[in-house]
Amino acid sequence: MLADHLLPLIPTATLTVLKDTGHLSPLEVPDQVAAHINAFVAQL
């Protein structure tokens, strides 16, 4: 898996797998995408 190679290279990176989606996540599950963006911004 690509994430297995990339995540160790960015110490603060995290991986989030969205349910019931493919490559068009913002169109397929916009509520999930928005929730994760909001949670990220709230941490800043």
PDB file of N, CA and C in Angstrom:
ATOM      1  N   MET A   1       0.849  -1.182   0.000  1.00  0.00           N
ATOM      2  CA  MET A   1       0.000   0.000   0.000  1.00  0.00           C
ATOM      3  C   MET A   1       0.892   1.241   0.000  1.00  0.00           C
ATOM      4  N   LEU A   2       0.521   2.210  -0.785  1.00  0.00           N
ATOM      5  CA  LEU A   2       1.312   3.433  -0.910  1.00  0.00           C
ATOM      6  C   LEU A   2       1.445   4.156   0.432  1.00  0.00           C
ATOM      7  N   ALA A   3       0.393   4.154   1.213  1.00  0.00           N
ATOM      8  CA  ALA A   3       0.434   4.825   2.514  1.00  0.00           C
ATOM      9  C   ALA A   3       1.516   4.242   3.417  1.00  0.00           C
ATOM     10  N   ASP A   4       1.760   2.959   3.319  1.00  0.00           N
ATOM     11  CA  ASP A   4       2.805   2.324   4.134  1.00  0.00           C
ATOM     12  C   ASP A   4       4.173   2.915   3.836  1.00  0.00           C
ATOM     13  N   HIS A   5       4.370   3.406   2.636  1.00  0.00           N
ATOM     14  CA  HIS A   5       5.657   3.981   2.245  1.00  0.00           C
ATOM     15  C   HIS A   5       5.706   5.484   2.518  1.00  0.00           C
ATOM     16  N   LEU A   6       4.569   6.159   2.399  1.00  0.00           N
ATOM     17  CA  LEU A   6       4.559   7.615   2.533  1.00  0.00           C
ATOM     18  C   LEU A   6       4.396   8.106   3.966  1.00  0.00           C
ATOM     19  N   LEU A   7       3.543   7.476   4.751  1.00  0.00           N
ATOM     20  CA  LEU A   7       3.298   7.953   6.101  1.00  0.00           C
ATOM     21  C   LEU A   7       4.557   8.052   6.960  1.00  0.00           C
ATOM     22  N   PRO A   8       5.465   7.095   6.901  1.00  0.00           N
ATOM     23  CA  PRO A   8       6.679   7.222   7.727  1.00  0.00           C
ATOM     24  C   PRO A   8       7.562   8.414   7.335  1.00  0.00           C
ATOM     25  N   LEU A   9       7.389   8.934   6.148  1.00  0.00           N
ATOM     26  CA  LEU A   9       8.218  10.043   5.689  1.00  0.00           C
ATOM     27  C   LEU A   9       7.744  11.399   6.226  1.00  0.00           C
ATOM     28  N   ILE A  10       6.510  11.454   6.717  1.00  0.00           N
ATOM     29  CA  ILE A  10       5.953  12.697   7.252  1.00  0.00           C
ATOM     30  C   ILE A  10       5.509  12.414   8.693  1.00  0.00           C
ATOM     31  N   PRO A  11       6.332  12.776   9.660  1.00  0.00           N
ATOM     32  CA  PRO A  11       6.082  12.386  11.056  1.00  0.00           C
ATOM     33  C   PRO A  11       4.713  12.797  11.602  1.00  0.00           C
ATOM     34  N   THR A  12       4.167  13.907  11.164  1.00  0.00           N
ATOM     35  CA  THR A  12       2.879  14.365  11.701  1.00  0.00           C
ATOM     36  C   THR A  12       1.688  13.923  10.857  1.00  0.00           C
ATOM     37  N   ALA A  13       1.928  13.151   9.830  1.00  0.00           N
ATOM     38  CA  ALA A  13       0.845  12.729   8.937  1.00  0.00           C
ATOM     39  C   ALA A  13      -0.030  11.657   9.578  1.00  0.00           C
ATOM     40  N   THR A  14      -1.287  11.683   9.196  1.00  0.00           N
ATOM     41  CA  THR A  14      -2.216  10.624   9.586  1.00  0.00           C
ATOM     42  C   THR A  14      -2.970  10.165   8.344  1.00  0.00           C
ATOM     43  N   LEU A  15      -3.513   8.981   8.410  1.00  0.00           N
ATOM     44  CA  LEU A  15      -4.291   8.433   7.302  1.00  0.00           C
ATOM     45  C   LEU A  15      -5.726   8.256   7.757  1.00  0.00           C
ATOM     46  N   THR A  16      -6.633   8.764   6.975  1.00  0.00           N
ATOM     47  CA  THR A  16      -8.054   8.582   7.241  1.00  0.00           C
ATOM     48  C   THR A  16      -8.670   7.876   6.046  1.00  0.00           C
ATOM     49  N   VAL A  17      -9.315   6.761   6.302  1.00  0.00           N
ATOM     50  CA  VAL A  17      -9.994   6.014   5.240  1.00  0.00           C
ATOM     51  C   VAL A  17     -11.477   6.334   5.341  1.00  0.00           C
ATOM     52  N   LEU A  18     -12.022   6.878   4.274  1.00  0.00           N
ATOM     53  CA  LEU A  18     -13.433   7.227   4.250  1.00  0.00           C
ATOM     54  C   LEU A  18     -14.247   6.041   3.758  1.00  0.00           C
ATOM     55  N   LYS A  19     -15.356   5.775   4.422  1.00  0.00           N
ATOM     56  CA  LYS A  19     -16.209   4.647   4.065  1.00  0.00           C
ATOM     57  C   LYS A  19     -17.055   4.962   2.830  1.00  0.00           C
ATOM     58  N   ASP A  20     -17.297   3.946   2.044  1.00  0.00           N
ATOM     59  CA  ASP A  20     -18.227   4.026   0.902  1.00  0.00           C
ATOM     60  C   ASP A  20     -17.832   5.064  -0.137  1.00  0.00           C
ATOM     61  N   THR A  21     -16.534   5.170  -0.432  1.00  0.00           N
ATOM     62  CA  THR A  21     -16.093   6.148  -1.415  1.00  0.00           C
ATOM     63  C   THR A  21     -14.909   5.624  -2.205  1.00  0.00           C
ATOM     64  N   GLY A  22     -14.646   6.302  -3.300  1.00  0.00           N
ATOM     65  CA  GLY A  22     -13.503   5.969  -4.141  1.00  0.00           C
ATOM     66  C   GLY A  22     -12.628   7.190  -4.303  1.00  0.00           C
ATOM     67  N   HIS A  23     -12.366   7.575  -5.542  1.00  0.00           N
ATOM     68  CA  HIS A  23     -11.459   8.681  -5.819  1.00  0.00           C
ATOM     69  C   HIS A  23     -12.147  10.041  -5.829  1.00  0.00           C
ATOM     70  N   LEU A  24     -13.459  10.067  -5.780  1.00  0.00           N
ATOM     71  CA  LEU A  24     -14.186  11.334  -5.800  1.00  0.00           C
ATOM     72  C   LEU A  24     -14.873  11.588  -4.458  1.00  0.00           C
ATOM     73  N   SER A  25     -14.117  11.462  -3.411  1.00  0.00           N
ATOM     74  CA  SER A  25     -14.672  11.589  -2.059  1.00  0.00           C
ATOM     75  C   SER A  25     -15.486  12.852  -1.836  1.00  0.00           C
ATOM     76  N   PRO A  26     -15.023  14.029  -2.271  1.00  0.00           N
ATOM     77  CA  PRO A  26     -15.827  15.230  -2.018  1.00  0.00           C
ATOM     78  C   PRO A  26     -17.216  15.184  -2.668  1.00  0.00           C
ATOM     79  N   LEU A  27     -17.361  14.435  -3.749  1.00  0.00           N
ATOM     80  CA  LEU A  27     -18.661  14.308  -4.397  1.00  0.00           C
ATOM     81  C   LEU A  27     -19.469  13.142  -3.848  1.00  0.00           C
ATOM     82  N   GLU A  28     -18.783  12.082  -3.438  1.00  0.00           N
ATOM     83  CA  GLU A  28     -19.463  10.862  -3.001  1.00  0.00           C
ATOM     84  C   GLU A  28     -19.887  10.914  -1.535  1.00  0.00           C
ATOM     85  N   VAL A  29     -19.050  11.462  -0.675  1.00  0.00           N
ATOM     86  CA  VAL A  29     -19.358  11.535   0.756  1.00  0.00           C
ATOM     87  C   VAL A  29     -18.942  12.910   1.305  1.00  0.00           C
ATOM     88  N   PRO A  30     -19.575  13.969   0.809  1.00  0.00           N
ATOM     89  CA  PRO A  30     -19.157  15.315   1.213  1.00  0.00           C
ATOM     90  C   PRO A  30     -19.238  15.565   2.723  1.00  0.00           C
ATOM     91  N   ASP A  31     -20.198  14.941   3.396  1.00  0.00           N
ATOM     92  CA  ASP A  31     -20.308  15.145   4.843  1.00  0.00           C
ATOM     93  C   ASP A  31     -19.096  14.592   5.582  1.00  0.00           C
ATOM     94  N   GLN A  32     -18.611  13.434   5.147  1.00  0.00           N
ATOM     95  CA  GLN A  32     -17.415  12.858   5.782  1.00  0.00           C
ATOM     96  C   GLN A  32     -16.197  13.731   5.536  1.00  0.00           C
ATOM     97  N   VAL A  33     -16.038  14.191   4.306  1.00  0.00           N
ATOM     98  CA  VAL A  33     -14.897  15.044   3.960  1.00  0.00           C
ATOM     99  C   VAL A  33     -14.943  16.328   4.782  1.00  0.00           C
ATOM    100  N   ALA A  34     -16.102  16.969   4.839  1.00  0.00           N
ATOM    101  CA  ALA A  34     -16.244  18.210   5.594  1.00  0.00           C
ATOM    102  C   ALA A  34     -15.963  18.004   7.077  1.00  0.00           C
ATOM    103  N   ALA A  35     -16.428  16.899   7.618  1.00  0.00           N
ATOM    104  CA  ALA A  35     -16.202  16.623   9.041  1.00  0.00           C
ATOM    105  C   ALA A  35     -14.715  16.480   9.344  1.00  0.00           C
ATOM    106  N   HIS A  36     -13.990  15.814   8.478  1.00  0.00           N
ATOM    107  CA  HIS A  36     -12.549  15.634   8.704  1.00  0.00           C
ATOM    108  C   HIS A  36     -11.777  16.949   8.500  1.00  0.00           C
ATOM    109  N   ILE A  37     -12.202  17.743   7.546  1.00  0.00           N
ATOM    110  CA  ILE A  37     -11.564  19.046   7.346  1.00  0.00           C
ATOM    111  C   ILE A  37     -11.830  19.942   8.549  1.00  0.00           C
ATOM    112  N   ASN A  38     -13.056  19.959   9.022  1.00  0.00           N
ATOM    113  CA  ASN A  38     -13.402  20.769  10.196  1.00  0.00           C
ATOM    114  C   ASN A  38     -12.616  20.345  11.428  1.00  0.00           C
ATOM    115  N   ALA A  39     -12.457  19.047  11.624  1.00  0.00           N
ATOM    116  CA  ALA A  39     -11.687  18.554  12.775  1.00  0.00           C
ATOM    117  C   ALA A  39     -10.232  18.958  12.656  1.00  0.00           C
ATOM    118  N   PHE A  40      -9.683  18.893  11.449  1.00  0.00           N
ATOM    119  CA  PHE A  40      -8.286  19.295  11.231  1.00  0.00           C
ATOM    120  C   PHE A  40      -8.096  20.786  11.516  1.00  0.00           C
ATOM    121  N   VAL A  41      -8.995  21.605  10.977  1.00  0.00           N
ATOM    122  CA  VAL A  41      -8.878  23.062  11.162  1.00  0.00           C
ATOM    123  C   VAL A  41      -9.051  23.436  12.644  1.00  0.00           C
ATOM    124  N   ALA A  42      -9.905  22.728  13.339  1.00  0.00           N
ATOM    125  CA  ALA A  42     -10.116  23.014  14.758  1.00  0.00           C
ATOM    126  C   ALA A  42      -8.864  22.770  15.591  1.00  0.00           C
ATOM    127  N   GLN A  43      -7.975  21.899  15.112  1.00  0.00           N
ATOM    128  CA  GLN A  43      -6.726  21.597  15.831  1.00  0.00           C
ATOM    129  C   GLN A  43      -5.672  22.679  15.638  1.00  0.00           C
ATOM    130  N   LEU A  44      -5.849  23.526  14.633  1.00  0.00           N
ATOM    131  CA  LEU A  44      -4.834  24.537  14.327  1.00  0.00           C
ATOM    132  C   LEU A  44      -4.855  25.683  15.316  1.00  0.00           C
TER     133      LEU A  44
END
